[in-house]
């Protein structure tokens, strides 16, 4: 899966964190000022986007040549999904003065989710949280198979979400041992927006 010797994405991320960072001026994010809240939301999004881009660049170099095109394709699908989900929230006429803040909060949240997903994909990482939830539901009397099937097919009117999920889960299945339906169930469980 990984090209090269024993450097995990997490380790590389720590090593790279000493490098360049998103530089913004200090803002009091506990302030009630609309302008400062918008600046804080923008700062949070820029930091999340910086981390995503760094992680994505590392992943492109870490996965096999045969999977790079798939990763790029999934990334483009995710960007379409993110923009479709978040950009409408910035409409001030529809959502008021908080719209631009909500748009940035949405983009930040989805960007952090995507960064986590790339890490899990490249490292064939642990989906510990997902399995803890499934096991907890099983202890409460729910069938794990039924829960997974319901999560994997959870209804969503957002077609771009499913385009992204299908592409991502196909990539994950090709680079790890996670079955596509488990991937879909996990992604629907942890979806933040």
N, C-alpha and C. Protein backbone atom coordinates (compact mmCIF):
# COMPACT_ATOMS: atom_id res chain seq x y z
N UNK A 1 0.81 -1.20 0.00
CA UNK A 1 0.00 0.00 0.00
C UNK A 1 0.85 1.25 0.00
N UNK A 2 1.73 1.39 0.97
CA UNK A 2 2.57 2.58 1.05
C UNK A 2 3.86 2.36 0.27
N UNK A 3 4.30 3.40 -0.39
CA UNK A 3 5.56 3.35 -1.12
C UNK A 3 6.65 3.82 -0.17
N UNK A 4 7.76 3.14 -0.10
CA UNK A 4 8.83 3.58 0.79
C UNK A 4 8.87 2.75 2.06
N UNK A 5 9.63 3.23 3.00
CA UNK A 5 9.89 2.46 4.21
C UNK A 5 9.25 3.12 5.41
N UNK A 6 8.38 2.40 6.10
CA UNK A 6 7.87 2.66 7.41
C UNK A 6 7.54 4.06 7.89
N UNK A 7 7.30 5.03 7.07
CA UNK A 7 6.87 6.33 7.58
C UNK A 7 5.37 6.39 7.44
N UNK A 8 4.69 6.46 8.56
CA UNK A 8 3.24 6.55 8.49
C UNK A 8 2.83 7.98 8.26
N UNK A 9 1.60 8.15 7.82
CA UNK A 9 1.07 9.48 7.56
C UNK A 9 1.07 10.32 8.83
N UNK A 10 0.73 9.71 9.94
CA UNK A 10 0.71 10.45 11.20
C UNK A 10 2.11 10.93 11.56
N UNK A 11 3.10 10.07 11.45
CA UNK A 11 4.47 10.45 11.76
C UNK A 11 4.94 11.56 10.83
N UNK A 12 4.66 11.39 9.55
CA UNK A 12 5.07 12.42 8.59
C UNK A 12 4.36 13.73 8.88
N UNK A 13 3.12 13.66 9.28
CA UNK A 13 2.37 14.87 9.61
C UNK A 13 3.02 15.60 10.78
N UNK A 14 3.46 14.85 11.77
CA UNK A 14 4.13 15.47 12.92
C UNK A 14 5.45 16.11 12.50
N UNK A 15 6.17 15.42 11.62
CA UNK A 15 7.44 15.97 11.15
C UNK A 15 7.21 17.23 10.33
N UNK A 16 6.15 17.23 9.52
CA UNK A 16 5.87 18.38 8.68
C UNK A 16 5.29 19.55 9.47
N UNK A 17 4.72 19.27 10.64
CA UNK A 17 4.08 20.33 11.40
C UNK A 17 5.07 21.39 11.86
N UNK A 18 6.33 21.05 11.87
CA UNK A 18 7.35 22.04 12.22
C UNK A 18 7.57 23.02 11.07
N UNK A 19 7.10 22.63 9.87
CA UNK A 19 7.23 23.48 8.69
C UNK A 19 6.21 24.59 8.68
N UNK A 20 5.89 25.04 7.47
CA UNK A 20 5.00 26.19 7.34
C UNK A 20 3.61 25.89 7.87
N UNK A 21 2.97 26.90 8.37
CA UNK A 21 1.61 26.83 8.92
C UNK A 21 0.81 27.96 8.32
N UNK A 22 -0.47 27.91 8.52
CA UNK A 22 -1.33 29.01 8.09
C UNK A 22 -1.11 30.14 9.08
N UNK A 23 -0.70 31.27 8.57
CA UNK A 23 -0.45 32.41 9.45
C UNK A 23 -1.59 33.40 9.35
N UNK A 24 -2.25 33.60 10.47
CA UNK A 24 -3.32 34.58 10.55
C UNK A 24 -3.09 35.40 11.80
N UNK A 25 -3.70 36.57 11.84
CA UNK A 25 -3.53 37.40 13.03
C UNK A 25 -4.45 36.89 14.13
N UNK A 26 -4.10 37.21 15.35
CA UNK A 26 -4.86 36.75 16.51
C UNK A 26 -6.21 37.46 16.58
N UNK A 27 -7.25 36.68 16.80
CA UNK A 27 -8.60 37.20 16.93
C UNK A 27 -9.20 36.59 18.18
N UNK A 28 -9.98 37.36 18.91
CA UNK A 28 -10.66 36.87 20.10
C UNK A 28 -11.89 36.09 19.66
N UNK A 29 -11.76 34.78 19.58
CA UNK A 29 -12.84 33.95 19.07
C UNK A 29 -13.97 33.76 20.08
N UNK A 30 -13.79 34.24 21.30
CA UNK A 30 -14.86 34.20 22.29
C UNK A 30 -15.69 35.47 22.24
N UNK A 31 -15.31 36.39 21.39
CA UNK A 31 -15.99 37.67 21.26
C UNK A 31 -17.36 37.47 20.61
N UNK A 32 -18.26 38.35 20.89
CA UNK A 32 -19.59 38.29 20.29
C UNK A 32 -19.65 39.08 18.99
N UNK A 33 -18.57 39.73 18.61
CA UNK A 33 -18.55 40.53 17.39
C UNK A 33 -18.72 39.65 16.16
N UNK A 34 -19.66 40.02 15.30
CA UNK A 34 -19.91 39.28 14.07
C UNK A 34 -18.67 39.21 13.18
N UNK A 35 -17.96 40.31 13.09
CA UNK A 35 -16.75 40.36 12.27
C UNK A 35 -15.70 39.41 12.81
N UNK A 36 -15.50 39.40 14.12
CA UNK A 36 -14.50 38.51 14.71
C UNK A 36 -14.93 37.05 14.61
N UNK A 37 -16.22 36.76 14.75
CA UNK A 37 -16.69 35.39 14.59
C UNK A 37 -16.45 34.89 13.17
N UNK A 38 -16.67 35.76 12.20
CA UNK A 38 -16.40 35.41 10.81
C UNK A 38 -14.91 35.16 10.59
N UNK A 39 -14.07 36.01 11.19
CA UNK A 39 -12.62 35.83 11.08
C UNK A 39 -12.18 34.52 11.71
N UNK A 40 -12.78 34.17 12.83
CA UNK A 40 -12.43 32.91 13.50
C UNK A 40 -12.86 31.71 12.66
N UNK A 41 -14.05 31.79 12.08
CA UNK A 41 -14.52 30.70 11.22
C UNK A 41 -13.61 30.56 10.00
N UNK A 42 -13.19 31.69 9.45
CA UNK A 42 -12.29 31.66 8.30
C UNK A 42 -10.93 31.08 8.69
N UNK A 43 -10.43 31.46 9.86
CA UNK A 43 -9.15 30.95 10.34
C UNK A 43 -9.22 29.44 10.55
N UNK A 44 -10.31 28.97 11.14
CA UNK A 44 -10.48 27.54 11.37
C UNK A 44 -10.53 26.78 10.04
N UNK A 45 -11.25 27.33 9.07
CA UNK A 45 -11.33 26.69 7.76
C UNK A 45 -9.96 26.67 7.07
N UNK A 46 -9.24 27.80 7.10
CA UNK A 46 -7.93 27.86 6.45
C UNK A 46 -6.96 26.85 7.07
N UNK A 47 -7.00 26.71 8.38
CA UNK A 47 -6.13 25.72 9.04
C UNK A 47 -6.52 24.30 8.65
N UNK A 48 -7.84 24.03 8.60
CA UNK A 48 -8.30 22.70 8.20
C UNK A 48 -7.91 22.42 6.75
N UNK A 49 -8.06 23.42 5.88
CA UNK A 49 -7.72 23.26 4.48
C UNK A 49 -6.22 23.05 4.29
N UNK A 50 -5.42 23.77 5.06
CA UNK A 50 -3.97 23.61 5.01
C UNK A 50 -3.59 22.17 5.38
N UNK A 51 -4.18 21.67 6.44
CA UNK A 51 -3.88 20.31 6.89
C UNK A 51 -4.35 19.28 5.87
N UNK A 52 -5.52 19.50 5.29
CA UNK A 52 -6.01 18.59 4.25
C UNK A 52 -5.06 18.55 3.07
N UNK A 53 -4.65 19.71 2.59
CA UNK A 53 -3.76 19.76 1.44
C UNK A 53 -2.42 19.10 1.73
N UNK A 54 -1.92 19.30 2.92
CA UNK A 54 -0.66 18.66 3.30
C UNK A 54 -0.82 17.13 3.35
N UNK A 55 -1.92 16.69 3.95
CA UNK A 55 -2.19 15.26 4.05
C UNK A 55 -2.41 14.65 2.67
N UNK A 56 -3.14 15.35 1.83
CA UNK A 56 -3.41 14.87 0.47
C UNK A 56 -2.12 14.75 -0.34
N UNK A 57 -1.26 15.76 -0.26
CA UNK A 57 0.02 15.69 -0.98
C UNK A 57 0.85 14.50 -0.49
N UNK A 58 0.89 14.30 0.81
CA UNK A 58 1.63 13.16 1.34
C UNK A 58 1.01 11.85 0.85
N UNK A 59 -0.31 11.77 0.86
CA UNK A 59 -1.00 10.55 0.44
C UNK A 59 -0.70 10.24 -1.03
N UNK A 60 -0.67 11.26 -1.87
CA UNK A 60 -0.35 11.04 -3.28
C UNK A 60 1.02 10.42 -3.45
N UNK A 61 1.94 10.79 -2.60
CA UNK A 61 3.28 10.22 -2.67
C UNK A 61 3.40 8.88 -1.97
N UNK A 62 2.44 8.57 -1.10
CA UNK A 62 2.55 7.37 -0.28
C UNK A 62 1.84 6.17 -0.88
N UNK A 63 0.83 6.41 -1.71
CA UNK A 63 0.09 5.28 -2.26
C UNK A 63 0.73 4.82 -3.58
N UNK A 64 0.37 3.65 -3.99
CA UNK A 64 0.94 3.10 -5.22
C UNK A 64 0.48 3.91 -6.44
N UNK A 65 1.29 3.84 -7.48
CA UNK A 65 0.97 4.55 -8.72
C UNK A 65 -0.42 4.20 -9.23
N UNK A 66 -0.80 2.95 -9.09
CA UNK A 66 -2.08 2.50 -9.62
C UNK A 66 -3.28 3.10 -8.90
N UNK A 67 -3.07 3.65 -7.70
CA UNK A 67 -4.18 4.23 -6.93
C UNK A 67 -4.21 5.75 -6.93
N UNK A 68 -3.18 6.39 -7.45
CA UNK A 68 -3.12 7.86 -7.44
C UNK A 68 -4.27 8.49 -8.20
N UNK A 69 -4.56 7.97 -9.37
CA UNK A 69 -5.67 8.50 -10.17
C UNK A 69 -7.00 8.37 -9.44
N UNK A 70 -7.16 7.25 -8.74
CA UNK A 70 -8.39 7.04 -7.96
C UNK A 70 -8.50 8.05 -6.83
N UNK A 71 -7.37 8.30 -6.15
CA UNK A 71 -7.37 9.27 -5.07
C UNK A 71 -7.72 10.66 -5.60
N UNK A 72 -7.14 11.04 -6.72
CA UNK A 72 -7.45 12.35 -7.33
C UNK A 72 -8.94 12.43 -7.69
N UNK A 73 -9.46 11.38 -8.27
CA UNK A 73 -10.87 11.35 -8.66
C UNK A 73 -11.79 11.49 -7.44
N UNK A 74 -11.47 10.75 -6.38
CA UNK A 74 -12.27 10.83 -5.16
C UNK A 74 -12.18 12.23 -4.56
N UNK A 75 -11.01 12.83 -4.61
CA UNK A 75 -10.84 14.17 -4.06
C UNK A 75 -11.71 15.18 -4.83
N UNK A 76 -11.75 15.06 -6.14
CA UNK A 76 -12.61 15.95 -6.94
C UNK A 76 -14.08 15.73 -6.60
N UNK A 77 -14.48 14.50 -6.40
CA UNK A 77 -15.87 14.19 -6.01
C UNK A 77 -16.18 14.81 -4.65
N UNK A 78 -15.23 14.68 -3.73
CA UNK A 78 -15.43 15.26 -2.40
C UNK A 78 -15.56 16.78 -2.48
N UNK A 79 -14.74 17.43 -3.28
CA UNK A 79 -14.81 18.90 -3.41
C UNK A 79 -16.18 19.31 -3.94
N UNK A 80 -16.70 18.60 -4.94
CA UNK A 80 -18.04 18.92 -5.45
C UNK A 80 -19.08 18.73 -4.35
N UNK A 81 -18.97 17.64 -3.60
CA UNK A 81 -19.91 17.40 -2.49
C UNK A 81 -19.81 18.52 -1.46
N UNK A 82 -18.59 18.85 -1.03
CA UNK A 82 -18.39 19.89 -0.01
C UNK A 82 -18.97 21.22 -0.46
N UNK A 83 -18.63 21.63 -1.65
CA UNK A 83 -19.11 22.93 -2.13
C UNK A 83 -20.63 22.94 -2.27
N UNK A 84 -21.20 21.85 -2.76
CA UNK A 84 -22.66 21.77 -2.89
C UNK A 84 -23.35 21.80 -1.53
N UNK A 85 -22.74 21.15 -0.54
CA UNK A 85 -23.34 21.11 0.80
C UNK A 85 -23.18 22.43 1.55
N UNK A 86 -22.04 23.10 1.37
CA UNK A 86 -21.72 24.25 2.21
C UNK A 86 -21.98 25.61 1.58
N UNK A 87 -21.71 25.76 0.30
CA UNK A 87 -21.81 27.09 -0.31
C UNK A 87 -23.20 27.72 -0.18
N UNK A 88 -24.29 26.96 -0.31
CA UNK A 88 -25.60 27.60 -0.16
C UNK A 88 -25.83 28.21 1.23
N UNK A 89 -25.13 27.71 2.23
CA UNK A 89 -25.30 28.24 3.59
C UNK A 89 -24.81 29.68 3.72
N UNK A 90 -23.98 30.13 2.79
CA UNK A 90 -23.45 31.49 2.84
C UNK A 90 -24.41 32.55 2.35
N UNK A 91 -25.59 32.14 1.89
CA UNK A 91 -26.58 33.07 1.36
C UNK A 91 -27.15 33.93 2.49
N UNK A 92 -26.74 35.19 2.54
CA UNK A 92 -27.16 36.10 3.61
C UNK A 92 -28.66 36.35 3.56
N UNK A 93 -29.23 36.45 2.37
CA UNK A 93 -30.67 36.69 2.26
C UNK A 93 -31.47 35.53 2.83
N UNK A 94 -31.00 34.33 2.63
CA UNK A 94 -31.71 33.15 3.10
C UNK A 94 -31.40 32.79 4.55
N UNK A 95 -30.11 32.94 4.95
CA UNK A 95 -29.68 32.48 6.27
C UNK A 95 -29.27 33.60 7.22
N UNK A 96 -29.37 34.83 6.78
CA UNK A 96 -29.03 35.95 7.65
C UNK A 96 -27.54 36.18 7.75
N UNK A 97 -27.19 37.05 8.68
CA UNK A 97 -25.78 37.44 8.85
C UNK A 97 -24.89 36.27 9.24
N UNK A 98 -25.47 35.25 9.83
CA UNK A 98 -24.68 34.09 10.25
C UNK A 98 -24.36 33.16 9.09
N UNK A 99 -24.99 33.37 7.94
CA UNK A 99 -24.78 32.49 6.78
C UNK A 99 -23.33 32.27 6.42
N UNK A 100 -22.55 33.35 6.25
CA UNK A 100 -21.14 33.14 5.90
C UNK A 100 -20.36 32.36 6.97
N UNK A 101 -20.71 32.55 8.22
CA UNK A 101 -20.06 31.80 9.31
C UNK A 101 -20.44 30.32 9.21
N UNK A 102 -21.72 30.04 8.98
CA UNK A 102 -22.17 28.65 8.84
C UNK A 102 -21.52 27.98 7.63
N UNK A 103 -21.37 28.71 6.54
CA UNK A 103 -20.71 28.18 5.34
C UNK A 103 -19.29 27.75 5.67
N UNK A 104 -18.56 28.61 6.36
CA UNK A 104 -17.18 28.29 6.71
C UNK A 104 -17.12 27.15 7.74
N UNK A 105 -18.05 27.12 8.68
CA UNK A 105 -18.09 26.04 9.68
C UNK A 105 -18.35 24.70 8.99
N UNK A 106 -19.25 24.71 8.02
CA UNK A 106 -19.54 23.51 7.24
C UNK A 106 -18.29 23.05 6.49
N UNK A 107 -17.64 23.98 5.79
CA UNK A 107 -16.44 23.63 5.02
C UNK A 107 -15.33 23.12 5.95
N UNK A 108 -15.19 23.75 7.09
CA UNK A 108 -14.17 23.32 8.04
C UNK A 108 -14.44 21.91 8.55
N UNK A 109 -15.68 21.65 8.93
CA UNK A 109 -16.04 20.35 9.46
C UNK A 109 -15.84 19.24 8.41
N UNK A 110 -16.34 19.49 7.20
CA UNK A 110 -16.19 18.48 6.14
C UNK A 110 -14.73 18.30 5.74
N UNK A 111 -13.96 19.38 5.78
CA UNK A 111 -12.53 19.29 5.45
C UNK A 111 -11.78 18.45 6.48
N UNK A 112 -12.11 18.63 7.75
CA UNK A 112 -11.49 17.80 8.80
C UNK A 112 -11.88 16.34 8.63
N UNK A 113 -13.14 16.10 8.30
CA UNK A 113 -13.59 14.72 8.05
C UNK A 113 -12.82 14.10 6.89
N UNK A 114 -12.63 14.87 5.82
CA UNK A 114 -11.92 14.35 4.65
C UNK A 114 -10.46 14.06 4.97
N UNK A 115 -9.85 14.93 5.77
CA UNK A 115 -8.46 14.68 6.18
C UNK A 115 -8.37 13.36 6.93
N UNK A 116 -9.29 13.15 7.87
CA UNK A 116 -9.31 11.89 8.63
C UNK A 116 -9.51 10.70 7.70
N UNK A 117 -10.38 10.85 6.71
CA UNK A 117 -10.66 9.75 5.79
C UNK A 117 -9.42 9.42 4.95
N UNK A 118 -8.70 10.43 4.52
CA UNK A 118 -7.48 10.17 3.75
C UNK A 118 -6.46 9.43 4.61
N UNK A 119 -6.31 9.84 5.85
CA UNK A 119 -5.38 9.16 6.75
C UNK A 119 -5.79 7.70 6.90
N UNK A 120 -7.07 7.45 7.14
CA UNK A 120 -7.54 6.07 7.30
C UNK A 120 -7.32 5.26 6.03
N UNK A 121 -7.51 5.89 4.88
CA UNK A 121 -7.34 5.18 3.61
C UNK A 121 -5.89 4.81 3.37
N UNK A 122 -5.01 5.77 3.51
CA UNK A 122 -3.59 5.53 3.21
C UNK A 122 -2.95 4.60 4.21
N UNK A 123 -3.31 4.74 5.46
CA UNK A 123 -2.70 3.88 6.48
C UNK A 123 -3.48 2.59 6.68
N UNK A 124 -4.56 2.41 5.90
CA UNK A 124 -5.46 1.28 6.13
C UNK A 124 -5.76 1.24 7.61
N UNK A 125 -6.15 2.39 8.10
CA UNK A 125 -6.24 2.64 9.53
C UNK A 125 -7.35 1.92 10.25
N UNK A 126 -7.33 2.13 11.52
CA UNK A 126 -8.31 1.53 12.42
C UNK A 126 -9.61 2.32 12.35
N UNK A 127 -10.67 1.59 12.31
CA UNK A 127 -11.99 2.20 12.35
C UNK A 127 -12.62 1.88 13.71
N UNK A 128 -11.80 2.05 14.73
CA UNK A 128 -12.16 1.65 16.08
C UNK A 128 -13.49 2.23 16.54
N UNK A 129 -13.72 3.52 16.31
CA UNK A 129 -14.95 4.17 16.76
C UNK A 129 -16.17 3.48 16.14
N UNK A 130 -16.10 3.26 14.84
CA UNK A 130 -17.20 2.61 14.13
C UNK A 130 -17.51 1.24 14.75
N UNK A 131 -16.48 0.45 14.96
CA UNK A 131 -16.70 -0.89 15.51
C UNK A 131 -17.18 -0.84 16.96
N UNK A 132 -16.75 0.16 17.73
CA UNK A 132 -17.27 0.32 19.10
C UNK A 132 -18.76 0.59 19.08
N UNK A 133 -19.20 1.45 18.17
CA UNK A 133 -20.63 1.75 18.07
C UNK A 133 -21.41 0.50 17.67
N UNK A 134 -20.92 -0.21 16.66
CA UNK A 134 -21.60 -1.43 16.21
C UNK A 134 -21.68 -2.44 17.36
N UNK A 135 -20.58 -2.62 18.09
CA UNK A 135 -20.57 -3.57 19.21
C UNK A 135 -21.48 -3.11 20.35
N UNK A 136 -21.52 -1.83 20.61
CA UNK A 136 -22.42 -1.30 21.65
C UNK A 136 -23.88 -1.55 21.28
N UNK A 137 -24.20 -1.32 20.02
CA UNK A 137 -25.57 -1.58 19.57
C UNK A 137 -25.89 -3.07 19.63
N UNK A 138 -24.91 -3.93 19.34
CA UNK A 138 -25.12 -5.38 19.43
C UNK A 138 -25.41 -5.78 20.88
N UNK A 139 -24.66 -5.18 21.83
CA UNK A 139 -24.91 -5.48 23.25
C UNK A 139 -26.29 -5.00 23.69
N UNK A 140 -26.82 -3.99 22.99
CA UNK A 140 -28.15 -3.48 23.31
C UNK A 140 -29.25 -4.27 22.59
N UNK A 141 -28.85 -5.32 21.86
CA UNK A 141 -29.82 -6.19 21.23
C UNK A 141 -30.06 -5.97 19.75
N UNK A 142 -29.35 -5.04 19.15
CA UNK A 142 -29.50 -4.80 17.72
C UNK A 142 -28.57 -5.74 16.94
N UNK A 143 -29.05 -6.20 15.82
CA UNK A 143 -28.24 -7.07 14.97
C UNK A 143 -27.16 -6.24 14.29
N UNK A 144 -25.87 -6.59 14.48
CA UNK A 144 -24.80 -5.84 13.82
C UNK A 144 -24.95 -5.80 12.30
N UNK A 145 -25.39 -6.91 11.72
CA UNK A 145 -25.58 -6.95 10.27
C UNK A 145 -26.67 -5.98 9.85
N UNK A 146 -27.77 -5.95 10.60
CA UNK A 146 -28.88 -5.05 10.29
C UNK A 146 -28.45 -3.58 10.43
N UNK A 147 -27.70 -3.28 11.49
CA UNK A 147 -27.22 -1.90 11.70
C UNK A 147 -26.31 -1.48 10.55
N UNK A 148 -25.37 -2.34 10.18
CA UNK A 148 -24.46 -2.02 9.08
C UNK A 148 -25.23 -1.81 7.77
N UNK A 149 -26.20 -2.70 7.50
CA UNK A 149 -26.98 -2.56 6.26
C UNK A 149 -27.76 -1.26 6.25
N UNK A 150 -28.36 -0.90 7.38
CA UNK A 150 -29.13 0.35 7.45
C UNK A 150 -28.23 1.57 7.28
N UNK A 151 -27.06 1.54 7.92
CA UNK A 151 -26.13 2.65 7.77
C UNK A 151 -25.59 2.75 6.35
N UNK A 152 -25.29 1.61 5.75
CA UNK A 152 -24.73 1.61 4.39
C UNK A 152 -25.72 2.12 3.36
N UNK A 153 -27.00 1.96 3.65
CA UNK A 153 -28.01 2.40 2.69
C UNK A 153 -28.83 3.58 3.22
N UNK A 154 -28.31 4.26 4.24
CA UNK A 154 -29.04 5.39 4.83
C UNK A 154 -29.44 6.37 3.74
N UNK A 155 -30.67 6.78 3.82
CA UNK A 155 -31.15 7.67 2.75
C UNK A 155 -30.54 9.05 2.90
N UNK A 156 -30.20 9.60 1.78
CA UNK A 156 -29.70 10.96 1.71
C UNK A 156 -30.11 11.52 0.37
N UNK A 157 -30.68 12.70 0.39
CA UNK A 157 -31.08 13.33 -0.86
C UNK A 157 -29.88 13.93 -1.57
N UNK A 158 -28.74 13.95 -0.91
CA UNK A 158 -27.55 14.56 -1.48
C UNK A 158 -26.83 13.56 -2.38
N UNK A 159 -27.12 13.63 -3.66
CA UNK A 159 -26.52 12.69 -4.62
C UNK A 159 -25.00 12.82 -4.67
N UNK A 160 -24.48 14.03 -4.47
CA UNK A 160 -23.03 14.21 -4.50
C UNK A 160 -22.36 13.53 -3.31
N UNK A 161 -23.06 13.43 -2.19
CA UNK A 161 -22.53 12.67 -1.04
C UNK A 161 -22.30 11.22 -1.49
N UNK A 162 -23.30 10.62 -2.14
CA UNK A 162 -23.20 9.23 -2.54
C UNK A 162 -22.17 9.02 -3.64
N UNK A 163 -22.02 9.99 -4.55
CA UNK A 163 -20.98 9.89 -5.57
C UNK A 163 -19.61 9.85 -4.89
N UNK A 164 -19.41 10.74 -3.92
CA UNK A 164 -18.15 10.76 -3.16
C UNK A 164 -17.97 9.45 -2.38
N UNK A 165 -18.99 9.03 -1.64
CA UNK A 165 -18.89 7.82 -0.81
C UNK A 165 -18.59 6.59 -1.68
N UNK A 166 -19.31 6.44 -2.78
CA UNK A 166 -19.07 5.28 -3.65
C UNK A 166 -17.64 5.27 -4.17
N UNK A 167 -17.16 6.43 -4.63
CA UNK A 167 -15.78 6.51 -5.13
C UNK A 167 -14.77 6.25 -4.04
N UNK A 168 -14.98 6.84 -2.87
CA UNK A 168 -14.04 6.67 -1.77
C UNK A 168 -14.02 5.21 -1.29
N UNK A 169 -15.19 4.61 -1.18
CA UNK A 169 -15.24 3.24 -0.68
C UNK A 169 -14.65 2.24 -1.68
N UNK A 170 -14.77 2.54 -2.97
CA UNK A 170 -14.11 1.69 -3.97
C UNK A 170 -12.59 1.79 -3.81
N UNK A 171 -12.09 3.02 -3.60
CA UNK A 171 -10.65 3.20 -3.37
C UNK A 171 -10.21 2.49 -2.09
N UNK A 172 -10.96 2.69 -1.01
CA UNK A 172 -10.62 2.06 0.27
C UNK A 172 -10.57 0.54 0.12
N UNK A 173 -11.56 -0.02 -0.57
CA UNK A 173 -11.59 -1.48 -0.75
C UNK A 173 -10.38 -1.97 -1.55
N UNK A 174 -9.89 -1.13 -2.46
CA UNK A 174 -8.75 -1.57 -3.27
C UNK A 174 -7.41 -1.43 -2.55
N UNK A 175 -7.35 -0.63 -1.50
CA UNK A 175 -6.08 -0.45 -0.79
C UNK A 175 -6.09 -1.03 0.63
N UNK A 176 -7.25 -1.53 1.08
CA UNK A 176 -7.31 -2.08 2.43
C UNK A 176 -8.25 -3.28 2.45
N UNK A 177 -8.56 -3.74 3.61
CA UNK A 177 -9.42 -4.91 3.74
C UNK A 177 -10.85 -4.53 4.07
N UNK A 178 -11.18 -3.25 4.07
CA UNK A 178 -12.54 -2.84 4.42
C UNK A 178 -13.48 -3.05 3.22
N UNK A 179 -14.55 -3.78 3.47
CA UNK A 179 -15.54 -4.03 2.42
C UNK A 179 -16.28 -2.73 2.10
N UNK A 180 -16.69 -2.55 0.85
CA UNK A 180 -17.39 -1.31 0.47
C UNK A 180 -18.60 -0.99 1.34
N UNK A 181 -19.41 -1.99 1.68
CA UNK A 181 -20.59 -1.71 2.51
C UNK A 181 -20.20 -1.29 3.93
N UNK A 182 -19.12 -1.87 4.47
CA UNK A 182 -18.64 -1.42 5.79
C UNK A 182 -18.15 0.02 5.70
N UNK A 183 -17.46 0.33 4.63
CA UNK A 183 -16.98 1.70 4.42
C UNK A 183 -18.14 2.68 4.35
N UNK A 184 -19.17 2.35 3.58
CA UNK A 184 -20.34 3.21 3.44
C UNK A 184 -21.04 3.40 4.78
N UNK A 185 -21.18 2.32 5.53
CA UNK A 185 -21.82 2.41 6.85
C UNK A 185 -20.99 3.30 7.78
N UNK A 186 -19.68 3.09 7.78
CA UNK A 186 -18.81 3.90 8.64
C UNK A 186 -18.86 5.37 8.26
N UNK A 187 -18.82 5.66 6.97
CA UNK A 187 -18.84 7.06 6.53
C UNK A 187 -20.17 7.73 6.88
N UNK A 188 -21.28 7.00 6.78
CA UNK A 188 -22.56 7.59 7.17
C UNK A 188 -22.67 7.78 8.68
N UNK A 189 -22.03 6.90 9.43
CA UNK A 189 -22.04 7.04 10.89
C UNK A 189 -21.29 8.28 11.34
N UNK A 190 -20.15 8.55 10.75
CA UNK A 190 -19.32 9.65 11.22
C UNK A 190 -19.54 10.95 10.45
N UNK A 191 -20.46 10.96 9.50
CA UNK A 191 -20.72 12.16 8.70
C UNK A 191 -21.11 13.33 9.61
N UNK A 192 -20.44 14.44 9.43
CA UNK A 192 -20.66 15.57 10.33
C UNK A 192 -21.64 16.61 9.79
N UNK A 193 -21.87 16.62 8.52
CA UNK A 193 -22.80 17.60 7.97
C UNK A 193 -23.74 16.96 7.00
